[in-house]
N, C-alpha and C. Protein backbone atom coordinates (compact mmCIF):
# COMPACT_ATOMS: atom_id res chain seq x y z
N MET A 1 102.23 101.13 103.52
CA MET A 1 100.95 100.66 103.56
C MET A 1 99.74 102.19 103.71
N MET A 2 98.80 101.67 102.76
CA MET A 2 97.58 102.95 103.18
C MET A 2 97.05 102.46 104.25
N LEU A 3 97.21 101.07 104.70
CA LEU A 3 96.42 100.81 105.98
C LEU A 3 96.64 101.13 107.35
N MET A 4 97.64 101.69 107.67
CA MET A 4 98.91 102.08 108.67
C MET A 4 97.66 103.47 109.40
N GLY A 5 97.32 102.52 110.77
CA GLY A 5 96.43 104.11 111.13
C GLY A 5 95.38 104.09 111.57
N LEU A 6 94.65 103.11 110.22
CA LEU A 6 93.64 102.65 110.03
C LEU A 6 92.66 102.75 111.35
N VAL A 7 91.22 103.14 111.79
CA VAL A 7 90.86 102.97 112.43
C VAL A 7 89.19 102.33 111.85
N ALA A 8 89.67 100.71 112.70
CA ALA A 8 88.68 100.05 111.72
C ALA A 8 87.21 100.39 112.17
N SER A 9 86.87 100.04 113.67
CA SER A 9 85.72 101.07 114.14
C SER A 9 84.64 102.28 113.67
N THR A 10 85.55 103.32 112.60
CA THR A 10 85.23 104.36 111.57
C THR A 10 84.89 104.02 110.20
N THR A 11 85.66 103.05 109.74
CA THR A 11 85.94 102.92 108.55
C THR A 11 85.40 101.95 107.17
N THR A 12 84.67 102.24 106.50
CA THR A 12 84.22 101.61 105.66
C THR A 12 84.39 100.99 104.25
N ILE A 13 84.44 99.97 103.81
CA ILE A 13 84.92 99.45 102.29
C ILE A 13 83.78 99.89 101.21
N GLN A 14 83.64 100.03 99.97
CA GLN A 14 82.29 100.08 99.09
C GLN A 14 83.13 98.42 97.99
N VAL A 15 82.07 97.53 97.74
CA VAL A 15 82.45 96.47 96.97
C VAL A 15 81.43 96.74 95.90
N GLY A 16 81.81 95.95 94.83
CA GLY A 16 81.39 95.75 93.36
C GLY A 16 80.89 97.37 92.60
N ARG A 17 81.77 98.48 92.40
CA ARG A 17 81.63 99.29 92.06
C ARG A 17 82.85 99.98 91.20
N SER A 18 82.68 99.72 89.90
CA SER A 18 83.72 100.16 89.09
C SER A 18 83.72 101.97 88.95
N ASP A 19 82.80 102.57 89.36
CA ASP A 19 82.47 104.25 89.30
C ASP A 19 82.44 104.28 90.98
N ILE A 20 83.76 105.20 91.88
CA ILE A 20 83.72 105.44 92.95
C ILE A 20 83.24 106.59 93.80
N SER A 21 82.30 107.25 92.40
CA SER A 21 81.71 108.72 93.06
C SER A 21 80.37 108.61 93.29
N ARG A 22 79.94 107.35 93.22
CA ARG A 22 78.57 106.69 93.46
C ARG A 22 78.48 106.24 94.68
N THR A 23 77.69 106.05 95.50
CA THR A 23 77.73 105.06 96.68
C THR A 23 76.20 104.37 96.41
N GLU A 24 76.37 103.12 97.09
CA GLU A 24 75.05 102.29 96.84
C GLU A 24 75.73 101.96 98.41
N ASP A 25 73.56 101.88 99.11
CA ASP A 25 74.08 100.96 100.38
C ASP A 25 74.14 99.75 100.44
N GLU A 26 73.99 99.08 99.63
CA GLU A 26 74.45 97.53 99.73
C GLU A 26 75.47 97.42 99.13
N SER A 27 76.16 98.30 98.95
CA SER A 27 78.18 97.77 98.34
C SER A 27 78.55 98.67 99.59
N VAL A 28 78.45 98.75 100.66
CA VAL A 28 79.26 99.69 101.62
C VAL A 28 79.55 98.69 102.91
N TYR A 29 80.25 98.25 103.31
CA TYR A 29 80.82 97.38 104.19
C TYR A 29 81.24 98.00 105.62
N ALA A 30 80.86 97.40 107.03
CA ALA A 30 82.25 98.48 107.74
C ALA A 30 82.67 97.13 108.04
N ILE A 31 84.51 98.00 108.53
CA ILE A 31 85.37 97.09 108.86
C ILE A 31 85.50 96.85 110.51
N GLU A 32 85.73 95.43 110.68
CA GLU A 32 85.52 94.81 112.26
C GLU A 32 86.90 95.01 112.93
N ASP A 33 87.51 94.50 112.18
CA ASP A 33 89.11 94.50 112.48
C ASP A 33 90.28 94.81 110.98
N VAL A 34 91.71 95.18 111.69
CA VAL A 34 92.46 95.15 110.58
C VAL A 34 93.78 94.50 110.74
N VAL A 35 93.96 93.55 110.15
CA VAL A 35 95.21 92.83 110.62
C VAL A 35 96.27 92.79 109.27
N ILE A 36 97.52 93.52 109.62
CA ILE A 36 98.71 93.95 108.99
C ILE A 36 99.78 92.91 109.33
N HIS A 37 100.19 92.48 108.40
CA HIS A 37 101.22 91.35 108.39
C HIS A 37 101.80 91.49 109.23
N PRO A 38 102.48 90.26 110.05
CA PRO A 38 103.56 90.78 111.18
C PRO A 38 104.57 91.04 110.87
N GLY A 39 105.59 90.54 109.57
CA GLY A 39 106.46 90.99 109.02
C GLY A 39 106.42 92.39 108.30
N TYR A 40 105.54 93.08 108.58
CA TYR A 40 105.77 94.64 107.63
C TYR A 40 106.46 95.04 108.50
N ASN A 41 107.80 96.07 107.30
CA ASN A 41 108.19 96.98 107.75
C ASN A 41 108.12 98.48 107.28
N PRO A 42 107.28 99.94 107.94
CA PRO A 42 107.36 100.38 106.62
C PRO A 42 108.76 101.15 106.34
N ALA A 43 109.66 100.94 106.54
CA ALA A 43 110.85 101.40 106.52
C ALA A 43 111.65 100.40 105.02
N ASP A 44 110.74 99.33 104.83
CA ASP A 44 110.78 98.18 103.23
C ASP A 44 109.65 98.28 103.02
N SER A 45 109.19 98.98 102.73
CA SER A 45 107.36 98.39 102.25
C SER A 45 107.44 97.67 101.31
N TYR A 46 108.34 96.92 100.80
CA TYR A 46 107.62 96.51 99.40
C TYR A 46 107.78 94.93 100.02
N ILE A 47 108.33 94.27 101.12
CA ILE A 47 107.86 93.31 101.68
C ILE A 47 106.96 93.51 102.64
N ASP A 48 106.17 91.93 102.45
CA ASP A 48 104.98 91.44 103.34
C ASP A 48 103.88 92.82 103.51
N ASP A 49 104.20 93.44 102.20
CA ASP A 49 103.02 94.45 102.17
C ASP A 49 101.92 93.93 102.00
N ILE A 50 100.86 93.69 103.04
CA ILE A 50 99.48 93.39 102.46
C ILE A 50 98.72 93.23 104.27
N ALA A 51 97.66 92.70 103.89
CA ALA A 51 96.83 93.52 105.64
C ALA A 51 95.40 92.26 104.94
N LEU A 52 94.93 92.09 105.94
CA LEU A 52 93.64 91.50 105.74
C LEU A 52 92.56 92.28 106.11
N LEU A 53 91.23 92.81 106.09
CA LEU A 53 90.27 93.44 106.41
C LEU A 53 89.14 91.95 106.55
N LYS A 54 88.67 92.13 108.64
CA LYS A 54 87.75 91.50 108.61
C LYS A 54 86.24 92.32 108.47
N LEU A 55 85.40 92.06 107.95
CA LEU A 55 84.23 93.10 107.88
C LEU A 55 83.20 92.14 109.08
N ARG A 56 82.17 93.96 109.08
CA ARG A 56 81.67 93.07 110.19
C ARG A 56 80.62 92.45 110.19
N LYS A 57 80.35 92.32 108.57
CA LYS A 57 78.93 90.96 107.85
C LYS A 57 79.54 90.58 107.18
N PRO A 58 78.78 89.43 106.44
CA PRO A 58 79.50 88.56 105.47
C PRO A 58 79.09 89.28 103.93
N LEU A 59 80.34 89.28 103.30
CA LEU A 59 80.19 89.95 102.13
C LEU A 59 79.20 89.01 101.24
N VAL A 60 78.48 89.92 100.51
CA VAL A 60 77.43 89.51 99.58
C VAL A 60 78.03 89.09 98.41
N PHE A 61 78.31 87.89 97.71
CA PHE A 61 78.34 88.04 96.42
C PHE A 61 77.78 87.97 95.36
N SER A 62 77.89 88.53 93.90
CA SER A 62 76.69 88.90 93.19
C SER A 62 78.43 89.02 91.63
N ASP A 63 77.24 89.24 90.56
CA ASP A 63 78.03 89.17 89.19
C ASP A 63 78.90 90.38 89.06
N GLN A 64 78.92 91.55 89.86
CA GLN A 64 79.92 92.60 90.26
C GLN A 64 81.20 91.81 91.99
N VAL A 65 80.57 91.22 92.77
CA VAL A 65 81.47 90.53 93.56
C VAL A 65 81.62 89.47 93.66
N GLN A 66 82.77 89.56 93.47
CA GLN A 66 83.31 87.37 93.25
C GLN A 66 84.94 87.42 94.75
N PRO A 67 85.13 86.32 94.47
CA PRO A 67 86.05 85.87 95.83
C PRO A 67 87.29 86.07 94.47
N VAL A 68 88.29 86.61 95.35
CA VAL A 68 89.70 86.26 94.16
C VAL A 68 90.57 85.21 94.41
N ARG A 69 90.94 84.61 93.39
CA ARG A 69 91.25 83.35 93.60
C ARG A 69 92.91 83.53 94.00
N LEU A 70 92.92 82.85 95.02
CA LEU A 70 94.31 83.21 95.82
C LEU A 70 95.42 82.27 94.76
N PRO A 71 96.67 82.29 94.72
CA PRO A 71 97.70 81.34 94.46
C PRO A 71 97.87 80.78 95.75
N LYS A 72 98.31 79.05 95.52
CA LYS A 72 98.74 78.43 96.44
C LYS A 72 100.03 78.89 97.59
N ARG A 73 100.16 78.67 98.69
CA ARG A 73 101.49 78.97 99.36
C ARG A 73 102.92 78.68 98.70
N PHE A 74 103.63 79.49 98.69
CA PHE A 74 104.95 79.10 97.87
C PHE A 74 104.52 79.11 96.22
N PHE A 75 103.32 79.81 96.25
CA PHE A 75 103.53 79.45 94.12
C PHE A 75 104.65 80.43 93.94
N GLU A 76 104.89 79.95 92.82
CA GLU A 76 105.87 80.69 91.99
C GLU A 76 105.85 81.08 90.50
N ILE A 77 105.33 81.88 89.84
CA ILE A 77 105.01 82.51 88.98
C ILE A 77 105.90 82.25 87.34
N ASP A 78 106.09 81.36 86.59
CA ASP A 78 107.04 81.01 85.61
C ASP A 78 107.02 82.33 85.39
N VAL A 79 107.61 83.65 84.69
CA VAL A 79 107.74 84.44 83.96
C VAL A 79 107.88 84.83 82.94
N GLN A 80 107.12 84.25 81.82
CA GLN A 80 107.70 84.67 80.82
C GLN A 80 107.61 85.56 79.58
N GLU A 81 107.99 86.65 78.51
CA GLU A 81 108.16 87.89 78.29
C GLU A 81 106.68 88.07 77.79
N SER A 82 105.96 86.73 77.81
CA SER A 82 104.63 86.73 76.68
C SER A 82 103.54 86.37 77.73
N ASN A 83 103.91 86.76 79.04
CA ASN A 83 102.92 86.56 80.23
C ASN A 83 102.01 87.96 80.29
N LEU A 84 100.61 87.98 79.78
CA LEU A 84 100.28 89.49 80.26
C LEU A 84 99.65 89.43 81.77
N VAL A 85 100.12 91.08 82.03
CA VAL A 85 99.85 91.49 83.52
C VAL A 85 98.66 92.59 83.16
N THR A 86 97.68 92.69 84.02
CA THR A 86 97.05 93.56 84.05
C THR A 86 97.07 93.89 85.34
N LEU A 87 97.07 95.74 85.35
CA LEU A 87 96.64 96.23 86.55
C LEU A 87 95.73 96.90 86.42
N VAL A 88 94.84 97.17 87.29
CA VAL A 88 93.54 97.82 87.65
C VAL A 88 93.36 98.57 88.85
N GLY A 89 93.02 99.58 88.96
CA GLY A 89 93.07 101.01 90.10
C GLY A 89 91.68 102.30 89.64
N TRP A 90 92.13 102.53 90.77
CA TRP A 90 91.37 104.10 90.12
C TRP A 90 92.76 105.32 90.86
N GLY A 91 92.82 105.62 89.70
CA GLY A 91 94.52 106.46 89.43
C GLY A 91 94.20 107.63 88.64
N ARG A 92 95.40 108.10 88.28
CA ARG A 92 95.90 109.31 87.70
C ARG A 92 95.78 108.50 86.26
N ASN A 93 95.19 109.29 85.36
CA ASN A 93 96.03 109.27 83.86
C ASN A 93 96.96 110.03 83.37
N ALA A 94 97.75 110.82 84.12
CA ALA A 94 98.54 111.61 83.90
C ALA A 94 99.25 111.88 85.14
N SER A 95 100.51 112.01 85.18
CA SER A 95 100.97 112.68 86.47
C SER A 95 100.87 113.65 86.99
N ASP A 96 100.15 115.08 86.32
CA ASP A 96 99.95 116.25 87.01
C ASP A 96 97.96 116.09 86.53
N GLY A 97 97.34 114.84 86.57
CA GLY A 97 96.10 114.50 86.18
C GLY A 97 94.87 114.28 87.41
N PRO A 98 94.06 114.39 87.68
CA PRO A 98 93.33 114.13 88.61
C PRO A 98 92.98 112.49 88.61
N VAL A 99 92.50 112.39 89.89
CA VAL A 99 92.36 111.06 90.49
C VAL A 99 91.14 110.51 89.62
N GLN A 100 91.09 109.73 88.78
CA GLN A 100 89.86 108.99 88.12
C GLN A 100 88.94 108.44 89.24
N THR A 101 87.69 108.63 88.84
CA THR A 101 86.62 108.06 89.44
C THR A 101 86.28 106.86 89.39
N THR A 102 86.45 106.35 87.92
CA THR A 102 85.91 105.29 87.34
C THR A 102 87.12 104.77 86.61
N LEU A 103 87.08 103.11 86.93
CA LEU A 103 88.00 101.87 87.32
C LEU A 103 88.71 101.64 86.19
N GLN A 104 90.15 102.08 86.29
CA GLN A 104 91.26 102.08 84.95
C GLN A 104 92.04 100.56 84.96
N GLU A 105 92.54 100.40 83.59
CA GLU A 105 92.91 99.46 83.44
C GLU A 105 94.07 99.28 82.89
N ILE A 106 95.20 98.92 82.66
CA ILE A 106 96.31 98.82 81.66
C ILE A 106 97.21 97.78 82.18
N ASP A 107 97.51 96.87 80.50
CA ASP A 107 98.15 95.91 80.32
C ASP A 107 99.76 95.88 80.02
N TYR A 108 100.28 95.19 80.42
CA TYR A 108 101.76 94.82 80.36
C TYR A 108 101.84 93.75 79.96
N TYR A 109 103.54 93.46 79.52
CA TYR A 109 103.96 91.98 79.82
C TYR A 109 104.93 91.78 80.70
N ALA A 110 105.26 90.90 81.06
CA ALA A 110 105.91 90.40 82.47
C ALA A 110 107.71 90.51 81.86
N VAL A 111 108.35 90.68 82.52
CA VAL A 111 109.75 90.69 82.81
C VAL A 111 110.36 89.43 83.29
N PRO A 112 111.38 89.03 83.18
CA PRO A 112 111.68 88.02 84.16
C PRO A 112 112.52 89.10 84.96
N ASN A 113 112.44 88.70 85.87
CA ASN A 113 113.30 89.64 87.55
C ASN A 113 114.55 89.65 87.49
N ASP A 114 115.20 88.45 87.04
CA ASP A 114 117.28 88.36 86.77
C ASP A 114 116.79 89.89 85.52
N GLU A 115 116.48 89.97 84.77
CA GLU A 115 116.44 91.04 83.25
C GLU A 115 116.30 92.08 84.35
N CYS A 116 114.72 92.45 84.86
CA CYS A 116 114.58 93.59 85.65
C CYS A 116 115.14 94.19 87.00
N ASN A 117 115.95 93.27 87.62
CA ASN A 117 116.78 93.67 88.46
C ASN A 117 118.24 94.26 87.78
N ARG A 118 118.58 93.75 86.48
CA ARG A 118 119.15 94.74 85.58
C ARG A 118 119.65 96.10 85.83
N ILE A 119 118.05 96.27 85.47
CA ILE A 119 117.51 98.08 85.10
C ILE A 119 117.67 98.43 86.42
N HIS A 120 117.14 97.74 87.24
CA HIS A 120 116.44 98.57 88.84
C HIS A 120 117.37 98.54 89.93
N SER A 121 118.97 98.30 89.25
CA SER A 121 120.08 98.02 90.24
C SER A 121 119.93 97.10 91.38
N ASN A 122 118.62 95.92 91.03
CA ASN A 122 118.88 94.49 91.89
C ASN A 122 117.82 95.04 92.88
N HIS A 123 116.45 95.68 92.89
CA HIS A 123 115.52 96.59 93.98
C HIS A 123 114.50 95.64 93.64
N ILE A 124 114.66 94.42 93.04
CA ILE A 124 113.58 93.59 92.84
C ILE A 124 113.40 92.55 93.62
N TYR A 125 112.38 91.44 94.65
CA TYR A 125 112.20 91.41 95.48
C TYR A 125 111.41 89.79 94.75
N PRO A 126 112.00 88.63 95.32
CA PRO A 126 111.44 87.34 94.82
C PRO A 126 109.83 87.25 94.51
N THR A 127 109.08 88.47 95.37
CA THR A 127 107.56 88.50 95.28
C THR A 127 106.95 89.13 94.60
N GLN A 128 108.03 90.03 94.22
CA GLN A 128 107.37 91.03 92.99
C GLN A 128 107.05 90.83 91.84
N ILE A 129 106.46 90.70 90.53
CA ILE A 129 106.28 90.76 89.42
C ILE A 129 106.90 91.99 88.61
N CYS A 130 107.70 91.60 88.12
CA CYS A 130 108.02 92.62 87.06
C CYS A 130 107.31 93.19 85.49
N ALA A 131 106.77 94.34 85.07
CA ALA A 131 106.48 94.52 84.09
C ALA A 131 106.54 95.67 82.89
N ALA A 132 106.64 95.54 82.18
CA ALA A 132 106.98 96.78 81.05
C ALA A 132 106.08 96.76 79.40
N GLU A 133 105.53 97.49 79.14
CA GLU A 133 105.25 97.96 77.49
C GLU A 133 107.05 98.03 76.68
N PRO A 134 106.92 96.84 76.20
CA PRO A 134 107.51 97.01 74.76
C PRO A 134 107.79 97.82 74.29
N GLY A 135 109.01 99.04 74.35
CA GLY A 135 109.42 100.24 73.20
C GLY A 135 108.63 101.50 74.09
N GLY A 136 107.79 101.23 75.16
CA GLY A 136 107.23 102.19 76.19
C GLY A 136 105.77 102.86 75.83
N GLY A 137 105.40 103.79 76.26
CA GLY A 137 104.34 104.37 76.46
C GLY A 137 103.41 104.20 76.82
N LYS A 138 103.65 103.47 78.22
CA LYS A 138 102.14 103.12 78.46
C LYS A 138 102.98 103.43 80.01
N GLY A 139 102.70 103.64 81.37
CA GLY A 139 102.96 103.62 82.62
C GLY A 139 101.89 103.73 83.63
N GLN A 140 102.42 103.48 85.15
CA GLN A 140 101.65 103.57 86.25
C GLN A 140 101.87 105.21 86.96
N CYS A 141 100.93 105.56 86.92
CA CYS A 141 100.67 107.17 87.40
C CYS A 141 100.69 106.40 88.91
N SER A 142 100.74 107.29 89.69
CA SER A 142 100.56 108.00 91.05
C SER A 142 99.10 107.25 91.56
N HIS A 143 98.86 106.65 92.75
CA HIS A 143 98.01 106.26 93.19
C HIS A 143 96.91 104.96 92.16
N LEU A 144 97.71 104.42 91.01
CA LEU A 144 96.76 103.59 90.95
C LEU A 144 97.71 102.23 90.31
N SER A 145 96.92 101.77 91.83
CA SER A 145 97.66 100.22 92.17
C SER A 145 97.04 99.67 93.92
N HIS A 146 96.06 100.57 94.48
CA HIS A 146 96.13 100.03 95.54
C HIS A 146 95.38 98.76 95.49
N THR A 147 95.11 97.53 94.21
CA THR A 147 93.96 96.57 94.26
C THR A 147 95.12 95.23 93.43
N PRO A 148 94.73 94.16 93.56
CA PRO A 148 95.27 93.02 92.97
C PRO A 148 95.60 93.26 91.39
N ASP A 149 96.50 92.67 91.30
CA ASP A 149 97.17 92.94 89.59
C ASP A 149 96.54 91.39 89.37
N GLY A 150 95.83 91.10 88.16
CA GLY A 150 95.61 89.55 87.78
C GLY A 150 97.13 89.44 86.58
N SER A 151 97.41 88.14 87.21
CA SER A 151 98.66 87.17 86.12
C SER A 151 98.01 86.33 85.41
N ASN A 152 97.63 86.54 84.57
CA ASN A 152 96.98 84.92 83.33
C ASN A 152 97.80 84.32 82.93
N GLN A 153 97.78 82.95 83.07
CA GLN A 153 98.49 81.68 82.93
C GLN A 153 97.97 81.02 82.52
N GLY A 154 97.92 81.11 80.57
CA GLY A 154 97.20 79.10 80.23
C GLY A 154 95.27 79.82 80.25
N GLN A 155 94.75 79.05 80.79
CA GLN A 155 93.64 79.62 80.74
C GLN A 155 92.82 80.05 81.93
N THR A 156 94.18 80.44 83.09
CA THR A 156 93.44 80.70 84.71
C THR A 156 94.14 82.16 85.01
N SER A 157 93.39 82.77 85.90
CA SER A 157 93.83 83.74 86.02
C SER A 157 94.49 83.96 87.85
N ALA A 158 95.14 84.23 88.70
CA ALA A 158 95.40 84.08 90.12
C ALA A 158 95.80 85.64 90.30
N SER A 159 95.05 86.12 91.46
CA SER A 159 95.84 87.67 92.24
C SER A 159 97.24 87.19 92.75
N SER A 160 98.01 88.20 92.58
CA SER A 160 99.60 88.28 93.03
C SER A 160 99.48 88.52 94.56
N GLY A 161 98.94 89.49 94.39
CA GLY A 161 98.63 90.57 95.55
C GLY A 161 98.44 92.08 95.06
N LEU A 162 99.26 92.60 96.09
CA LEU A 162 98.78 94.50 96.14
C LEU A 162 100.19 95.11 95.29
N GLU A 163 100.16 96.32 94.91
CA GLU A 163 100.77 97.16 94.39
C GLU A 163 102.13 96.80 94.29
N SER A 164 102.76 96.40 95.62
CA SER A 164 104.30 96.48 95.79
C SER A 164 104.39 94.98 95.12
N LEU A 165 103.57 94.43 94.55
CA LEU A 165 104.09 93.29 93.65
C LEU A 165 104.46 93.29 92.90
N VAL A 166 103.86 94.91 91.85
CA VAL A 166 104.44 94.77 89.98
C VAL A 166 105.32 96.33 90.38
N LYS A 167 106.35 95.93 89.82
CA LYS A 167 107.44 97.18 89.79
C LYS A 167 106.84 96.94 88.03
N ILE A 168 106.95 98.36 88.10
CA ILE A 168 106.80 98.63 86.12
C ILE A 168 107.81 100.10 85.60
N SER A 169 108.18 99.44 84.84
CA SER A 169 109.37 99.87 84.30
C SER A 169 109.79 101.49 83.82
N LYS A 170 107.95 101.79 83.83
CA LYS A 170 108.25 103.20 82.97
C LYS A 170 107.00 104.03 83.86
N MET A 171 107.00 104.98 84.41
CA MET A 171 106.07 105.55 85.52
C MET A 171 105.58 106.09 84.45
N CYS A 172 104.28 106.97 84.90
CA CYS A 172 103.67 107.42 84.39
C CYS A 172 104.01 108.78 82.87
């Protein structure tokens, strides 16, 4: 988890930006506290890999800053191969390339976890979404993922969590 060892009193977040090379004062918020899930175990970083950030002042919503719609407790996504999964983040476009400063987006198709477990030797957890590009050709590079993924079902979209929820069948 990237937040392990984070000192809240000296850390800020920037919201509403798609280009992280620019900083605007109104988009920077100081962190008051970091609450890591009590079940998180660094030795098995795919389980309960989530934390809450308490901000010193309330977030101001705008066209660029919106709340994320979270799924209900014990929500299960009915994964069909036709479900589109979008992964967004600032990351690399190539395994040896620079980290991008503008928001990147890549679309995959969901793969049922039982099929994904056959590919990944039963290393897929029920809380993960497995995704792939039919025929390959696209992959997630390192650093492209420390953001929620959006899983679209019908006309609604719900964030299912962070990086550890998405298992990509082809890396960069």
